[in-house]
Structure formats: C-alpha cells, structure tokens
C-alpha cells in the first residue's frame, strides 16, 4: 500500500510517501509498526490526537480496518494548500 505523509508529519519522517507491506489489521496497528521502525517515525506518531487519517481519500479514524486499502494518508487537522 502507499502511505502518504503531509505537513510536519512529512518533515519529521523525511519522506512524502512510501510503499509498504504490512500485516496490520487497523490503522492503529499500522502506526505501531511504523513507530517501531525508527525514531523519526516514533516522533511523527507520538501524539495521535494531533493527526488525522484518510483511507483511499476518505477520512476515518485510527481503529478503521485496512483490509483492501490501497492508500493511507496521515496529516495534521489543518493542512493549508
């Protein structure tokens, strides 16, 4: 799946997007996998209340299932454009 990072999430991780393979069943489990990778991911996902998530361009919550999802996007509540 493609994981997209926006605004300060992108800045902390150092990537705008990446392709990953995951066995995570939910967004929250995916976040835990990412946090375990490196300190930069841990820093980016330290406070989930400061983040929003979209699955295949639909806003959702961190308990949403990932089954069949092609794209996950993480961003702060207010992203300018």
PDB file of N, CA and C in Angstrom:
ATOM      1  N   UNK A   1       0.833  -1.167   0.000  1.00  0.00           N
ATOM      2  CA  UNK A   1       0.000   0.000   0.000  1.00  0.00           C
ATOM      3  C   UNK A   1       0.883   1.236   0.000  1.00  0.00           C
ATOM      4  N   UNK A   2       0.321   2.327  -0.445  1.00  0.00           N
ATOM      5  CA  UNK A   2       1.026   3.598  -0.435  1.00  0.00           C
ATOM      6  C   UNK A   2       0.665   4.340   0.846  1.00  0.00           C
ATOM      7  N   UNK A   3       1.685   4.854   1.532  1.00  0.00           N
ATOM      8  CA  UNK A   3       1.461   5.670   2.727  1.00  0.00           C
ATOM      9  C   UNK A   3       1.961   7.071   2.403  1.00  0.00           C
ATOM     10  N   UNK A   4       1.078   8.057   2.576  1.00  0.00           N
ATOM     11  CA  UNK A   4       1.387   9.456   2.303  1.00  0.00           C
ATOM     12  C   UNK A   4       1.519  10.219   3.603  1.00  0.00           C
ATOM     13  N   UNK A   5       2.491  11.134   3.639  1.00  0.00           N
ATOM     14  CA  UNK A   5       2.721  11.970   4.818  1.00  0.00           C
ATOM     15  C   UNK A   5       2.656  13.430   4.397  1.00  0.00           C
ATOM     16  N   UNK A   6       1.912  14.242   5.157  1.00  0.00           N
ATOM     17  CA  UNK A   6       1.747  15.652   4.829  1.00  0.00           C
ATOM     18  C   UNK A   6       2.205  16.552   5.969  1.00  0.00           C
ATOM     19  N   UNK A   7       2.598  17.770   5.597  1.00  0.00           N
ATOM     20  CA  UNK A   7       2.958  18.836   6.537  1.00  0.00           C
ATOM     21  C   UNK A   7       4.074  18.386   7.475  1.00  0.00           C
ATOM     22  N   UNK A   8       3.929  18.635   8.773  1.00  0.00           N
ATOM     23  CA  UNK A   8       5.010  18.310   9.716  1.00  0.00           C
ATOM     24  C   UNK A   8       5.237  16.809   9.858  1.00  0.00           C
ATOM     25  N   UNK A   9       4.255  15.992   9.519  1.00  0.00           N
ATOM     26  CA  UNK A   9       4.470  14.534   9.544  1.00  0.00           C
ATOM     27  C   UNK A   9       5.539  14.182   8.506  1.00  0.00           C
ATOM     28  N   UNK A  10       5.399  14.748   7.323  1.00  0.00           N
ATOM     29  CA  UNK A  10       6.383  14.540   6.255  1.00  0.00           C
ATOM     30  C   UNK A  10       7.758  15.060   6.678  1.00  0.00           C
ATOM     31  N   UNK A  11       7.781  16.219   7.310  1.00  0.00           N
ATOM     32  CA  UNK A  11       9.051  16.801   7.748  1.00  0.00           C
ATOM     33  C   UNK A  11       9.759  15.921   8.773  1.00  0.00           C
ATOM     34  N   UNK A  12       9.021  15.380   9.722  1.00  0.00           N
ATOM     35  CA  UNK A  12       9.636  14.533  10.751  1.00  0.00           C
ATOM     36  C   UNK A  12      10.122  13.203  10.197  1.00  0.00           C
ATOM     37  N   UNK A  13       9.359  12.628   9.273  1.00  0.00           N
ATOM     38  CA  UNK A  13       9.735  11.333   8.711  1.00  0.00           C
ATOM     39  C   UNK A  13      10.772  11.498   7.602  1.00  0.00           C
ATOM     40  N   UNK A  14      10.691  12.607   6.883  1.00  0.00           N
ATOM     41  CA  UNK A  14      11.657  12.866   5.824  1.00  0.00           C
ATOM     42  C   UNK A  14      11.270  12.298   4.472  1.00  0.00           C
ATOM     43  N   UNK A  15      10.017  11.869   4.343  1.00  0.00           N
ATOM     44  CA  UNK A  15       9.512  11.310   3.087  1.00  0.00           C
ATOM     45  C   UNK A  15       8.107  11.833   2.820  1.00  0.00           C
ATOM     46  N   UNK A  16       7.770  12.107   1.551  1.00  0.00           N
ATOM     47  CA  UNK A  16       6.387  12.484   1.254  1.00  0.00           C
ATOM     48  C   UNK A  16       5.473  11.263   1.139  1.00  0.00           C
ATOM     49  N   UNK A  17       6.064  10.114   0.719  1.00  0.00           N
ATOM     50  CA  UNK A  17       5.282   8.878   0.597  1.00  0.00           C
ATOM     51  C   UNK A  17       6.223   7.699   0.507  1.00  0.00           C
ATOM     52  N   UNK A  18       5.663   6.522   0.739  1.00  0.00           N
ATOM     53  CA  UNK A  18       6.433   5.288   0.589  1.00  0.00           C
ATOM     54  C   UNK A  18       5.477   4.129   0.351  1.00  0.00           C
ATOM     55  N   UNK A  19       6.004   3.092  -0.257  1.00  0.00           N
ATOM     56  CA  UNK A  19       5.258   1.853  -0.467  1.00  0.00           C
ATOM     57  C   UNK A  19       5.636   0.910   0.664  1.00  0.00           C
ATOM     58  N   UNK A  20       4.637   0.348   1.332  1.00  0.00           N
ATOM     59  CA  UNK A  20       4.933  -0.581   2.413  1.00  0.00           C
ATOM     60  C   UNK A  20       4.099  -1.849   2.266  1.00  0.00           C
ATOM     61  N   UNK A  21       4.605  -2.883   2.877  1.00  0.00           N
ATOM     62  CA  UNK A  21       3.867  -4.129   3.030  1.00  0.00           C
ATOM     63  C   UNK A  21       3.632  -4.285   4.520  1.00  0.00           C
ATOM     64  N   UNK A  22       2.393  -4.530   4.899  1.00  0.00           N
ATOM     65  CA  UNK A  22       2.061  -4.618   6.313  1.00  0.00           C
ATOM     66  C   UNK A  22       1.110  -5.767   6.571  1.00  0.00           C
ATOM     67  N   UNK A  23       1.167  -6.269   7.781  1.00  0.00           N
ATOM     68  CA  UNK A  23       0.199  -7.272   8.217  1.00  0.00           C
ATOM     69  C   UNK A  23      -0.786  -6.645   9.201  1.00  0.00           C
ATOM     70  N   UNK A  24      -0.705  -5.330   9.383  1.00  0.00           N
ATOM     71  CA  UNK A  24      -1.583  -4.625  10.321  1.00  0.00           C
ATOM     72  C   UNK A  24      -3.040  -4.726   9.879  1.00  0.00           C
ATOM     73  N   UNK A  25      -3.907  -4.954  10.842  1.00  0.00           N
ATOM     74  CA  UNK A  25      -5.333  -5.070  10.550  1.00  0.00           C
ATOM     75  C   UNK A  25      -6.050  -3.724  10.613  1.00  0.00           C
ATOM     76  N   UNK A  26      -5.491  -2.779  11.380  1.00  0.00           N
ATOM     77  CA  UNK A  26      -6.121  -1.465  11.545  1.00  0.00           C
ATOM     78  C   UNK A  26      -5.077  -0.365  11.351  1.00  0.00           C
ATOM     79  N   UNK A  27      -5.561   0.851  11.211  1.00  0.00           N
ATOM     80  CA  UNK A  27      -4.656   1.995  11.104  1.00  0.00           C
ATOM     81  C   UNK A  27      -3.789   2.083  12.357  1.00  0.00           C
ATOM     82  N   UNK A  28      -4.385   1.905  13.517  1.00  0.00           N
ATOM     83  CA  UNK A  28      -3.634   1.989  14.777  1.00  0.00           C
ATOM     84  C   UNK A  28      -2.491   0.958  14.802  1.00  0.00           C
ATOM     85  N   UNK A  29      -2.750  -0.250  14.339  1.00  0.00           N
ATOM     86  CA  UNK A  29      -1.700  -1.283  14.286  1.00  0.00           C
ATOM     87  C   UNK A  29      -0.615  -0.899  13.280  1.00  0.00           C
ATOM     88  N   UNK A  30      -1.002  -0.274  12.170  1.00  0.00           N
ATOM     89  CA  UNK A  30      -0.031   0.211  11.199  1.00  0.00           C
ATOM     90  C   UNK A  30       0.862   1.279  11.832  1.00  0.00           C
ATOM     91  N   UNK A  31       0.257   2.189  12.564  1.00  0.00           N
ATOM     92  CA  UNK A  31       1.031   3.238  13.239  1.00  0.00           C
ATOM     93  C   UNK A  31       2.039   2.610  14.197  1.00  0.00           C
ATOM     94  N   UNK A  32       1.636   1.590  14.937  1.00  0.00           N
ATOM     95  CA  UNK A  32       2.561   0.925  15.858  1.00  0.00           C
ATOM     96  C   UNK A  32       3.717   0.271  15.103  1.00  0.00           C
ATOM     97  N   UNK A  33       3.428  -0.342  13.951  1.00  0.00           N
ATOM     98  CA  UNK A  33       4.502  -0.909  13.127  1.00  0.00           C
ATOM     99  C   UNK A  33       5.472   0.178  12.672  1.00  0.00           C
ATOM    100  N   UNK A  34       4.923   1.293  12.216  1.00  0.00           N
ATOM    101  CA  UNK A  34       5.767   2.394  11.749  1.00  0.00           C
ATOM    102  C   UNK A  34       6.598   2.974  12.886  1.00  0.00           C
ATOM    103  N   UNK A  35       5.985   3.164  14.046  1.00  0.00           N
ATOM    104  CA  UNK A  35       6.706   3.725  15.199  1.00  0.00           C
ATOM    105  C   UNK A  35       7.880   2.842  15.608  1.00  0.00           C
ATOM    106  N   UNK A  36       7.745   1.545  15.427  1.00  0.00           N
ATOM    107  CA  UNK A  36       8.804   0.614  15.813  1.00  0.00           C
ATOM    108  C   UNK A  36       9.980   0.625  14.831  1.00  0.00           C
ATOM    109  N   UNK A  37       9.791   1.201  13.666  1.00  0.00           N
ATOM    110  CA  UNK A  37      10.840   1.238  12.644  1.00  0.00           C
ATOM    111  C   UNK A  37      12.054   2.041  13.070  1.00  0.00           C
ATOM    112  N   UNK A  38      11.815   3.308  13.368  1.00  0.00           N
ATOM    113  CA  UNK A  38      12.902   4.249  13.653  1.00  0.00           C
ATOM    114  C   UNK A  38      12.372   5.375  14.529  1.00  0.00           C
ATOM    115  N   UNK A  39      13.296   6.110  15.128  1.00  0.00           N
ATOM    116  CA  UNK A  39      12.926   7.230  15.989  1.00  0.00           C
ATOM    117  C   UNK A  39      12.127   8.299  15.250  1.00  0.00           C
ATOM    118  N   UNK A  40      12.444   8.517  13.979  1.00  0.00           N
ATOM    119  CA  UNK A  40      11.733   9.576  13.243  1.00  0.00           C
ATOM    120  C   UNK A  40      10.250   9.250  13.098  1.00  0.00           C
ATOM    121  N   UNK A  41       9.911   7.984  12.914  1.00  0.00           N
ATOM    122  CA  UNK A  41       8.505   7.578  12.856  1.00  0.00           C
ATOM    123  C   UNK A  41       7.865   7.693  14.240  1.00  0.00           C
ATOM    124  N   UNK A  42       8.608   7.277  15.243  1.00  0.00           N
ATOM    125  CA  UNK A  42       8.103   7.370  16.614  1.00  0.00           C
ATOM    126  C   UNK A  42       7.768   8.815  16.953  1.00  0.00           C
ATOM    127  N   UNK A  43       8.630   9.743  16.566  1.00  0.00           N
ATOM    128  CA  UNK A  43       8.386  11.170  16.823  1.00  0.00           C
ATOM    129  C   UNK A  43       7.169  11.673  16.049  1.00  0.00           C
ATOM    130  N   UNK A  44       7.030  11.258  14.813  1.00  0.00           N
ATOM    131  CA  UNK A  44       5.919  11.722  13.981  1.00  0.00           C
ATOM    132  C   UNK A  44       4.569  11.237  14.495  1.00  0.00           C
ATOM    133  N   UNK A  45       4.542  10.040  15.078  1.00  0.00           N
ATOM    134  CA  UNK A  45       3.277   9.450  15.527  1.00  0.00           C
ATOM    135  C   UNK A  45       3.133   9.423  17.047  1.00  0.00           C
ATOM    136  N   UNK A  46       3.889  10.246  17.738  1.00  0.00           N
ATOM    137  CA  UNK A  46       3.871  10.245  19.207  1.00  0.00           C
ATOM    138  C   UNK A  46       2.527  10.672  19.779  1.00  0.00           C
ATOM    139  N   UNK A  47       1.824  11.568  19.096  1.00  0.00           N
ATOM    140  CA  UNK A  47       0.543  12.081  19.602  1.00  0.00           C
ATOM    141  C   UNK A  47      -0.518  11.940  18.521  1.00  0.00           C
ATOM    142  N   UNK A  48      -1.263  10.853  18.558  1.00  0.00           N
ATOM    143  CA  UNK A  48      -2.276  10.606  17.526  1.00  0.00           C
ATOM    144  C   UNK A  48      -3.423  11.604  17.580  1.00  0.00           C
ATOM    145  N   UNK A  49      -3.608  12.268  18.706  1.00  0.00           N
ATOM    146  CA  UNK A  49      -4.680  13.276  18.776  1.00  0.00           C
ATOM    147  C   UNK A  49      -4.355  14.482  17.900  1.00  0.00           C
ATOM    148  N   UNK A  50      -3.091  14.619  17.483  1.00  0.00           N
ATOM    149  CA  UNK A  50      -2.672  15.731  16.632  1.00  0.00           C
ATOM    150  C   UNK A  50      -2.682  15.343  15.154  1.00  0.00           C
ATOM    151  N   UNK A  51      -3.213  14.168  14.837  1.00  0.00           N
ATOM    152  CA  UNK A  51      -3.213  13.667  13.461  1.00  0.00           C
ATOM    153  C   UNK A  51      -4.600  13.270  12.991  1.00  0.00           C
ATOM    154  N   UNK A  52      -4.756  13.314  11.687  1.00  0.00           N
ATOM    155  CA  UNK A  52      -5.942  12.781  11.029  1.00  0.00           C
ATOM    156  C   UNK A  52      -5.455  11.725  10.043  1.00  0.00           C
ATOM    157  N   UNK A  53      -6.361  10.856   9.643  1.00  0.00           N
ATOM    158  CA  UNK A  53      -6.003   9.796   8.701  1.00  0.00           C
ATOM    159  C   UNK A  53      -7.120   9.639   7.674  1.00  0.00           C
ATOM    160  N   UNK A  54      -6.706   9.341   6.449  1.00  0.00           N
ATOM    161  CA  UNK A  54      -7.658   9.046   5.379  1.00  0.00           C
ATOM    162  C   UNK A  54      -7.239   7.734   4.725  1.00  0.00           C
ATOM    163  N   UNK A  55      -8.224   6.913   4.431  1.00  0.00           N
ATOM    164  CA  UNK A  55      -8.002   5.653   3.721  1.00  0.00           C
ATOM    165  C   UNK A  55      -8.640   5.780   2.345  1.00  0.00           C
ATOM    166  N   UNK A  56      -7.838   5.616   1.314  1.00  0.00           N
ATOM    167  CA  UNK A  56      -8.316   5.785  -0.057  1.00  0.00           C
ATOM    168  C   UNK A  56      -9.100   7.090  -0.211  1.00  0.00           C
ATOM    169  N   UNK A  57      -8.558   8.144   0.366  1.00  0.00           N
ATOM    170  CA  UNK A  57      -9.047   9.518   0.280  1.00  0.00           C
ATOM    171  C   UNK A  57     -10.369   9.761   1.014  1.00  0.00           C
ATOM    172  N   UNK A  58     -10.685   8.906   1.981  1.00  0.00           N
ATOM    173  CA  UNK A  58     -11.874   9.092   2.822  1.00  0.00           C
ATOM    174  C   UNK A  58     -11.423   9.226   4.266  1.00  0.00           C
ATOM    175  N   UNK A  59     -11.807  10.313   4.927  1.00  0.00           N
ATOM    176  CA  UNK A  59     -11.449  10.490   6.333  1.00  0.00           C
ATOM    177  C   UNK A  59     -12.009   9.363   7.175  1.00  0.00           C
ATOM    178  N   UNK A  60     -11.228   8.930   8.131  1.00  0.00           N
ATOM    179  CA  UNK A  60     -11.645   7.838   9.007  1.00  0.00           C
ATOM    180  C   UNK A  60     -10.951   7.985  10.351  1.00  0.00           C
ATOM    181  N   UNK A  61     -11.028   6.958  11.199  1.00  0.00           N
ATOM    182  CA  UNK A  61     -10.348   7.017  12.494  1.00  0.00           C
ATOM    183  C   UNK A  61      -9.267   5.936  12.553  1.00  0.00           C
ATOM    184  N   UNK A  62      -8.516   5.954  13.645  1.00  0.00           N
ATOM    185  CA  UNK A  62      -7.365   5.058  13.766  1.00  0.00           C
ATOM    186  C   UNK A  62      -7.749   3.608  14.039  1.00  0.00           C
ATOM    187  N   UNK A  63      -9.019   3.336  14.306  1.00  0.00           N
ATOM    188  CA  UNK A  63      -9.468   1.962  14.506  1.00  0.00           C
ATOM    189  C   UNK A  63     -10.037   1.352  13.228  1.00  0.00           C
ATOM    190  N   UNK A  64      -9.977   2.091  12.133  1.00  0.00           N
ATOM    191  CA  UNK A  64     -10.527   1.612  10.862  1.00  0.00           C
ATOM    192  C   UNK A  64      -9.706   0.430  10.332  1.00  0.00           C
ATOM    193  N   UNK A  65     -10.385  -0.540   9.727  1.00  0.00           N
ATOM    194  CA  UNK A  65      -9.682  -1.698   9.158  1.00  0.00           C
ATOM    195  C   UNK A  65      -8.936  -1.332   7.883  1.00  0.00           C
ATOM    196  N   UNK A  66      -7.833  -2.023   7.628  1.00  0.00           N
ATOM    197  CA  UNK A  66      -7.012  -1.775   6.447  1.00  0.00           C
ATOM    198  C   UNK A  66      -7.276  -2.757   5.311  1.00  0.00           C
ATOM    199  N   UNK A  67      -8.142  -3.705   5.519  1.00  0.00           N
ATOM    200  CA  UNK A  67      -8.411  -4.725   4.518  1.00  0.00           C
ATOM    201  C   UNK A  67      -8.828  -4.081   3.190  1.00  0.00           C
ATOM    202  N   UNK A  68      -8.075  -4.331   2.131  1.00  0.00           N
ATOM    203  CA  UNK A  68      -8.394  -3.819   0.808  1.00  0.00           C
ATOM    204  C   UNK A  68      -7.973  -2.380   0.553  1.00  0.00           C
ATOM    205  N   UNK A  69      -7.390  -1.723   1.531  1.00  0.00           N
ATOM    206  CA  UNK A  69      -6.988  -0.323   1.383  1.00  0.00           C
ATOM    207  C   UNK A  69      -5.728  -0.230   0.525  1.00  0.00           C
ATOM    208  N   UNK A  70      -5.727   0.719  -0.401  1.00  0.00           N
ATOM    209  CA  UNK A  70      -4.563   0.937  -1.267  1.00  0.00           C
ATOM    210  C   UNK A  70      -3.727   2.130  -0.830  1.00  0.00           C
ATOM    211  N   UNK A  71      -4.372   3.115  -0.161  1.00  0.00           N
ATOM    212  CA  UNK A  71      -3.650   4.332   0.209  1.00  0.00           C
ATOM    213  C   UNK A  71      -4.054   4.801   1.604  1.00  0.00           C
ATOM    214  N   UNK A  72      -3.043   5.117   2.410  1.00  0.00           N
ATOM    215  CA  UNK A  72      -3.245   5.673   3.743  1.00  0.00           C
ATOM    216  C   UNK A  72      -2.536   7.022   3.767  1.00  0.00           C
ATOM    217  N   UNK A  73      -3.230   8.050   4.242  1.00  0.00           N
ATOM    218  CA  UNK A  73      -2.633   9.386   4.328  1.00  0.00           C
ATOM    219  C   UNK A  73      -2.715   9.887   5.759  1.00  0.00           C
ATOM    220  N   UNK A  74      -1.602  10.411   6.245  1.00  0.00           N
ATOM    221  CA  UNK A  74      -1.539  10.991   7.588  1.00  0.00           C
ATOM    222  C   UNK A  74      -1.249  12.483   7.465  1.00  0.00           C
ATOM    223  N   UNK A  75      -1.995  13.299   8.221  1.00  0.00           N
ATOM    224  CA  UNK A  75      -1.827  14.744   8.141  1.00  0.00           C
ATOM    225  C   UNK A  75      -2.378  15.403   9.390  1.00  0.00           C
ATOM    226  N   UNK A  76      -1.912  16.626   9.687  1.00  0.00           N
ATOM    227  CA  UNK A  76      -2.466  17.376  10.813  1.00  0.00           C
ATOM    228  C   UNK A  76      -3.894  17.815  10.495  1.00  0.00           C
ATOM    229  N   UNK A  77      -4.672  18.195  11.500  1.00  0.00           N
ATOM    230  CA  UNK A  77      -6.061  18.597  11.266  1.00  0.00           C
ATOM    231  C   UNK A  77      -6.218  19.744  10.257  1.00  0.00           C
ATOM    232  N   UNK A  78      -5.289  20.673  10.247  1.00  0.00           N
ATOM    233  CA  UNK A  78      -5.383  21.807   9.327  1.00  0.00           C
ATOM    234  C   UNK A  78      -4.182  21.782   8.404  1.00  0.00           C
ATOM    235  N   UNK A  79      -4.404  21.409   7.150  1.00  0.00           N
ATOM    236  CA  UNK A  79      -3.335  21.413   6.171  1.00  0.00           C
ATOM    237  C   UNK A  79      -3.659  22.481   5.137  1.00  0.00           C
ATOM    238  N   UNK A  80      -2.787  23.457   5.028  1.00  0.00           N
ATOM    239  CA  UNK A  80      -3.002  24.524   4.035  1.00  0.00           C
ATOM    240  C   UNK A  80      -2.650  24.057   2.644  1.00  0.00           C
ATOM    241  N   UNK A  81      -3.111  24.790   1.650  1.00  0.00           N
ATOM    242  CA  UNK A  81      -2.794  24.352   0.299  1.00  0.00           C
ATOM    243  C   UNK A  81      -2.865  25.429  -0.709  1.00  0.00           C
TER     244      UNK A  81
END
